[in-house]
PDB file of N, CA and C in Angstrom:
ATOM      1  N   MET A   1     -20.348   8.946  -7.493  1.00  0.00           N
ATOM      2  CA  MET A   1     -19.998   9.284  -6.134  1.00  0.00           C
ATOM      3  C   MET A   1     -20.244  10.767  -5.864  1.00  0.00           C
ATOM      4  N   PHE A   2     -19.898  11.606  -6.851  1.00  0.00           N
ATOM      5  CA  PHE A   2     -20.092  13.038  -6.624  1.00  0.00           C
ATOM      6  C   PHE A   2     -21.577  13.382  -6.497  1.00  0.00           C
ATOM      7  N   THR A   3     -22.404  12.696  -7.265  1.00  0.00           N
ATOM      8  CA  THR A   3     -23.849  12.933  -7.181  1.00  0.00           C
ATOM      9  C   THR A   3     -24.373  12.588  -5.792  1.00  0.00           C
ATOM     10  N   LEU A   4     -23.930  11.455  -5.265  1.00  0.00           N
ATOM     11  CA  LEU A   4     -24.343  11.073  -3.913  1.00  0.00           C
ATOM     12  C   LEU A   4     -23.838  12.071  -2.877  1.00  0.00           C
ATOM     13  N   ALA A   5     -22.600  12.504  -3.034  1.00  0.00           N
ATOM     14  CA  ALA A   5     -22.024  13.453  -2.079  1.00  0.00           C
ATOM     15  C   ALA A   5     -22.797  14.766  -2.075  1.00  0.00           C
ATOM     16  N   VAL A   6     -23.173  15.234  -3.253  1.00  0.00           N
ATOM     17  CA  VAL A   6     -23.935  16.484  -3.329  1.00  0.00           C
ATOM     18  C   VAL A   6     -25.342  16.284  -2.769  1.00  0.00           C
ATOM     19  N   THR A   7     -25.964  15.175  -3.138  1.00  0.00           N
ATOM     20  CA  THR A   7     -27.331  14.896  -2.684  1.00  0.00           C
ATOM     21  C   THR A   7     -27.421  14.797  -1.166  1.00  0.00           C
ATOM     22  N   PHE A   8     -26.477  14.098  -0.571  1.00  0.00           N
ATOM     23  CA  PHE A   8     -26.512  13.879   0.878  1.00  0.00           C
ATOM     24  C   PHE A   8     -25.612  14.836   1.653  1.00  0.00           C
ATOM     25  N   GLN A   9     -25.053  15.820   0.970  1.00  0.00           N
ATOM     26  CA  GLN A   9     -24.187  16.837   1.568  1.00  0.00           C
ATOM     27  C   GLN A   9     -23.016  16.211   2.325  1.00  0.00           C
ATOM     28  N   TRP A  10     -22.438  15.196   1.713  1.00  0.00           N
ATOM     29  CA  TRP A  10     -21.248  14.555   2.278  1.00  0.00           C
ATOM     30  C   TRP A  10     -20.018  15.381   1.935  1.00  0.00           C
ATOM     31  N   PRO A  11     -19.054  15.464   2.838  1.00  0.00           N
ATOM     32  CA  PRO A  11     -17.805  16.165   2.492  1.00  0.00           C
ATOM     33  C   PRO A  11     -17.011  15.343   1.462  1.00  0.00           C
ATOM     34  N   ILE A  12     -16.329  16.027   0.588  1.00  0.00           N
ATOM     35  CA  ILE A  12     -15.546  15.365  -0.466  1.00  0.00           C
ATOM     36  C   ILE A  12     -14.071  15.691  -0.264  1.00  0.00           C
ATOM     37  N   GLN A  13     -13.231  14.670  -0.375  1.00  0.00           N
ATOM     38  CA  GLN A  13     -11.777  14.859  -0.325  1.00  0.00           C
ATOM     39  C   GLN A  13     -11.162  14.168  -1.528  1.00  0.00           C
ATOM     40  N   GLN A  14     -10.084  14.721  -2.019  1.00  0.00           N
ATOM     41  CA  GLN A  14      -9.415  14.160  -3.189  1.00  0.00           C
ATOM     42  C   GLN A  14      -7.928  14.088  -2.918  1.00  0.00           C
ATOM     43  N   PHE A  15      -7.262  13.036  -3.440  1.00  0.00           N
ATOM     44  CA  PHE A  15      -5.816  12.936  -3.323  1.00  0.00           C
ATOM     45  C   PHE A  15      -5.279  12.138  -4.492  1.00  0.00           C
ATOM     46  N   ASP A  16      -4.002  12.264  -4.720  1.00  0.00           N
ATOM     47  CA  ASP A  16      -3.335  11.568  -5.817  1.00  0.00           C
ATOM     48  C   ASP A  16      -2.110  10.860  -5.255  1.00  0.00           C
ATOM     49  N   ILE A  17      -1.881   9.643  -5.702  1.00  0.00           N
ATOM     50  CA  ILE A  17      -0.709   8.886  -5.267  1.00  0.00           C
ATOM     51  C   ILE A  17       0.276   8.861  -6.425  1.00  0.00           C
ATOM     52  N   ASN A  18       1.339   9.651  -6.316  1.00  0.00           N
ATOM     53  CA  ASN A  18       2.296   9.791  -7.412  1.00  0.00           C
ATOM     54  C   ASN A  18       3.155   8.562  -7.632  1.00  0.00           C
ATOM     55  N   ASN A  19       3.478   7.822  -6.607  1.00  0.00           N
ATOM     56  CA  ASN A  19       4.388   6.687  -6.760  1.00  0.00           C
ATOM     57  C   ASN A  19       3.709   5.371  -6.396  1.00  0.00           C
ATOM     58  N   ALA A  20       2.536   5.142  -6.943  1.00  0.00           N
ATOM     59  CA  ALA A  20       1.801   3.911  -6.644  1.00  0.00           C
ATOM     60  C   ALA A  20       2.513   2.682  -7.174  1.00  0.00           C
ATOM     61  N   PHE A  21       3.251   2.811  -8.283  1.00  0.00           N
ATOM     62  CA  PHE A  21       3.893   1.655  -8.894  1.00  0.00           C
ATOM     63  C   PHE A  21       5.287   1.380  -8.352  1.00  0.00           C
ATOM     64  N   LEU A  22       5.797   2.227  -7.508  1.00  0.00           N
ATOM     65  CA  LEU A  22       7.152   2.024  -7.010  1.00  0.00           C
ATOM     66  C   LEU A  22       7.258   0.838  -6.070  1.00  0.00           C
ATOM     67  N   ASN A  23       6.159   0.450  -5.475  1.00  0.00           N
ATOM     68  CA  ASN A  23       6.201  -0.649  -4.520  1.00  0.00           C
ATOM     69  C   ASN A  23       5.534  -1.915  -5.034  1.00  0.00           C
ATOM     70  N   GLY A  24       5.169  -1.936  -6.315  1.00  0.00           N
ATOM     71  CA  GLY A  24       4.511  -3.107  -6.876  1.00  0.00           C
ATOM     72  C   GLY A  24       5.467  -4.279  -7.018  1.00  0.00           C
ATOM     73  N   ASP A  25       5.007  -5.462  -6.624  1.00  0.00           N
ATOM     74  CA  ASP A  25       5.835  -6.662  -6.745  1.00  0.00           C
ATOM     75  C   ASP A  25       5.792  -7.190  -8.171  1.00  0.00           C
ATOM     76  N   LEU A  26       6.872  -7.813  -8.596  1.00  0.00           N
ATOM     77  CA  LEU A  26       6.957  -8.400  -9.929  1.00  0.00           C
ATOM     78  C   LEU A  26       6.711  -9.899  -9.842  1.00  0.00           C
ATOM     79  N   SER A  27       6.003 -10.438 -10.821  1.00  0.00           N
ATOM     80  CA  SER A  27       5.706 -11.872 -10.827  1.00  0.00           C
ATOM     81  C   SER A  27       6.753 -12.671 -11.596  1.00  0.00           C
ATOM     82  N   GLU A  28       7.678 -11.995 -12.266  1.00  0.00           N
ATOM     83  CA  GLU A  28       8.740 -12.664 -13.015  1.00  0.00           C
ATOM     84  C   GLU A  28      10.018 -11.839 -12.935  1.00  0.00           C
ATOM     85  N   ASP A  29      11.141 -12.433 -13.298  1.00  0.00           N
ATOM     86  CA  ASP A  29      12.416 -11.713 -13.273  1.00  0.00           C
ATOM     87  C   ASP A  29      12.476 -10.722 -14.433  1.00  0.00           C
ATOM     88  N   VAL A  30      12.845  -9.480 -14.132  1.00  0.00           N
ATOM     89  CA  VAL A  30      12.967  -8.434 -15.144  1.00  0.00           C
ATOM     90  C   VAL A  30      14.334  -7.788 -14.979  1.00  0.00           C
ATOM     91  N   TYR A  31      15.053  -7.638 -16.090  1.00  0.00           N
ATOM     92  CA  TYR A  31      16.382  -7.037 -16.080  1.00  0.00           C
ATOM     93  C   TYR A  31      16.385  -5.806 -16.973  1.00  0.00           C
ATOM     94  N   MET A  32      17.242  -4.855 -16.643  1.00  0.00           N
ATOM     95  CA  MET A  32      17.387  -3.653 -17.462  1.00  0.00           C
ATOM     96  C   MET A  32      18.857  -3.286 -17.555  1.00  0.00           C
ATOM     97  N   SER A  33      19.210  -2.596 -18.628  1.00  0.00           N
ATOM     98  CA  SER A  33      20.592  -2.132 -18.749  1.00  0.00           C
ATOM     99  C   SER A  33      20.781  -0.928 -17.835  1.00  0.00           C
ATOM    100  N   GLU A  34      22.009  -0.701 -17.422  1.00  0.00           N
ATOM    101  CA  GLU A  34      22.286   0.434 -16.542  1.00  0.00           C
ATOM    102  C   GLU A  34      22.145   1.737 -17.323  1.00  0.00           C
ATOM    103  N   THR A  35      21.692   2.769 -16.643  1.00  0.00           N
ATOM    104  CA  THR A  35      21.513   4.059 -17.294  1.00  0.00           C
ATOM    105  C   THR A  35      22.850   4.772 -17.440  1.00  0.00           C
ATOM    106  N   GLU A  36      22.908   5.695 -18.390  1.00  0.00           N
ATOM    107  CA  GLU A  36      24.144   6.455 -18.611  1.00  0.00           C
ATOM    108  C   GLU A  36      24.556   7.162 -17.329  1.00  0.00           C
ATOM    109  N   GLY A  37      25.832   7.172 -17.052  1.00  0.00           N
ATOM    110  CA  GLY A  37      26.346   7.806 -15.854  1.00  0.00           C
ATOM    111  C   GLY A  37      26.499   6.855 -14.686  1.00  0.00           C
ATOM    112  N   PHE A  38      25.855   5.694 -14.755  1.00  0.00           N
ATOM    113  CA  PHE A  38      25.948   4.705 -13.686  1.00  0.00           C
ATOM    114  C   PHE A  38      26.648   3.432 -14.134  1.00  0.00           C
ATOM    115  N   VAL A  39      27.083   3.401 -15.383  1.00  0.00           N
ATOM    116  CA  VAL A  39      27.751   2.216 -15.918  1.00  0.00           C
ATOM    117  C   VAL A  39      29.158   2.131 -15.339  1.00  0.00           C
ATOM    118  N   SER A  40      29.500   0.972 -14.800  1.00  0.00           N
ATOM    119  CA  SER A  40      30.821   0.745 -14.228  1.00  0.00           C
ATOM    120  C   SER A  40      31.847   0.577 -15.342  1.00  0.00           C
ATOM    121  N   LYS A  41      32.961   1.272 -15.248  1.00  0.00           N
ATOM    122  CA  LYS A  41      34.027   1.125 -16.245  1.00  0.00           C
ATOM    123  C   LYS A  41      34.642  -0.262 -16.176  1.00  0.00           C
ATOM    124  N   GLN A  42      34.627  -0.855 -14.997  1.00  0.00           N
ATOM    125  CA  GLN A  42      35.190  -2.186 -14.813  1.00  0.00           C
ATOM    126  C   GLN A  42      34.257  -3.267 -15.381  1.00  0.00           C
ATOM    127  N   PHE A  43      32.944  -3.038 -15.303  1.00  0.00           N
ATOM    128  CA  PHE A  43      31.952  -4.010 -15.778  1.00  0.00           C
ATOM    129  C   PHE A  43      30.920  -3.304 -16.670  1.00  0.00           C
ATOM    130  N   PRO A  44      31.293  -2.903 -17.875  1.00  0.00           N
ATOM    131  CA  PRO A  44      30.400  -2.088 -18.714  1.00  0.00           C
ATOM    132  C   PRO A  44      29.177  -2.830 -19.252  1.00  0.00           C
ATOM    133  N   HIS A  45      29.175  -4.153 -19.216  1.00  0.00           N
ATOM    134  CA  HIS A  45      28.059  -4.917 -19.785  1.00  0.00           C
ATOM    135  C   HIS A  45      27.133  -5.501 -18.715  1.00  0.00           C
ATOM    136  N   TYR A  46      27.260  -5.037 -17.490  1.00  0.00           N
ATOM    137  CA  TYR A  46      26.383  -5.512 -16.422  1.00  0.00           C
ATOM    138  C   TYR A  46      24.954  -5.015 -16.660  1.00  0.00           C
ATOM    139  N   VAL A  47      23.991  -5.763 -16.141  1.00  0.00           N
ATOM    140  CA  VAL A  47      22.590  -5.352 -16.165  1.00  0.00           C
ATOM    141  C   VAL A  47      22.067  -5.330 -14.729  1.00  0.00           C
ATOM    142  N   CYS A  48      20.930  -4.705 -14.535  1.00  0.00           N
ATOM    143  CA  CYS A  48      20.323  -4.607 -13.205  1.00  0.00           C
ATOM    144  C   CYS A  48      19.057  -5.455 -13.158  1.00  0.00           C
ATOM    145  N   LYS A  49      18.881  -6.185 -12.063  1.00  0.00           N
ATOM    146  CA  LYS A  49      17.645  -6.937 -11.850  1.00  0.00           C
ATOM    147  C   LYS A  49      16.701  -6.063 -11.031  1.00  0.00           C
ATOM    148  N   LEU A  50      15.488  -5.887 -11.526  1.00  0.00           N
ATOM    149  CA  LEU A  50      14.507  -5.079 -10.811  1.00  0.00           C
ATOM    150  C   LEU A  50      13.890  -5.891  -9.684  1.00  0.00           C
ATOM    151  N   HIS A  51      13.758  -5.257  -8.523  1.00  0.00           N
ATOM    152  CA  HIS A  51      13.113  -5.905  -7.380  1.00  0.00           C
ATOM    153  C   HIS A  51      11.670  -5.432  -7.225  1.00  0.00           C
ATOM    154  N   LYS A  52      11.376  -4.259  -7.759  1.00  0.00           N
ATOM    155  CA  LYS A  52      10.027  -3.696  -7.695  1.00  0.00           C
ATOM    156  C   LYS A  52       9.652  -3.162  -9.074  1.00  0.00           C
ATOM    157  N   ALA A  53       8.367  -3.014  -9.335  1.00  0.00           N
ATOM    158  CA  ALA A  53       7.883  -2.543 -10.628  1.00  0.00           C
ATOM    159  C   ALA A  53       8.190  -1.058 -10.819  1.00  0.00           C
ATOM    160  N   LEU A  54       8.408  -0.682 -12.062  1.00  0.00           N
ATOM    161  CA  LEU A  54       8.600   0.710 -12.442  1.00  0.00           C
ATOM    162  C   LEU A  54       7.391   1.176 -13.238  1.00  0.00           C
ATOM    163  N   TYR A  55       7.098   2.463 -13.173  1.00  0.00           N
ATOM    164  CA  TYR A  55       5.984   3.014 -13.938  1.00  0.00           C
ATOM    165  C   TYR A  55       6.213   2.778 -15.427  1.00  0.00           C
ATOM    166  N   GLY A  56       5.223   2.291 -16.128  1.00  0.00           N
ATOM    167  CA  GLY A  56       5.323   2.052 -17.557  1.00  0.00           C
ATOM    168  C   GLY A  56       5.820   0.668 -17.927  1.00  0.00           C
ATOM    169  N   LEU A  57       6.253  -0.097 -16.958  1.00  0.00           N
ATOM    170  CA  LEU A  57       6.742  -1.449 -17.210  1.00  0.00           C
ATOM    171  C   LEU A  57       5.567  -2.353 -17.580  1.00  0.00           C
ATOM    172  N   LYS A  58       5.729  -3.171 -18.620  1.00  0.00           N
ATOM    173  CA  LYS A  58       4.642  -4.054 -19.058  1.00  0.00           C
ATOM    174  C   LYS A  58       4.199  -4.997 -17.947  1.00  0.00           C
ATOM    175  N   GLN A  59       5.132  -5.415 -17.113  1.00  0.00           N
ATOM    176  CA  GLN A  59       4.820  -6.361 -16.040  1.00  0.00           C
ATOM    177  C   GLN A  59       4.300  -5.677 -14.779  1.00  0.00           C
ATOM    178  N   ALA A  60       4.151  -4.361 -14.811  1.00  0.00           N
ATOM    179  CA  ALA A  60       3.678  -3.636 -13.624  1.00  0.00           C
ATOM    180  C   ALA A  60       2.234  -4.015 -13.322  1.00  0.00           C
ATOM    181  N   PRO A  61       1.870  -4.040 -12.053  1.00  0.00           N
ATOM    182  CA  PRO A  61       0.488  -4.400 -11.686  1.00  0.00           C
ATOM    183  C   PRO A  61      -0.508  -3.361 -12.149  1.00  0.00           C
TER     184      PRO A  61
END
């Protein structure tokens, strides 16, 4: 692409999407344990169901 842009004197723009995986849908149910500081004293063994993909998740798109 850069070769074509230089050859034909096309303007070039660049951008980065930092949170591309934050809105990815999951194809299966994924649960995670609560992080430190957010664990309920009343329900210490609760887990969280993810509604969207997280960066680094194996099931992420």
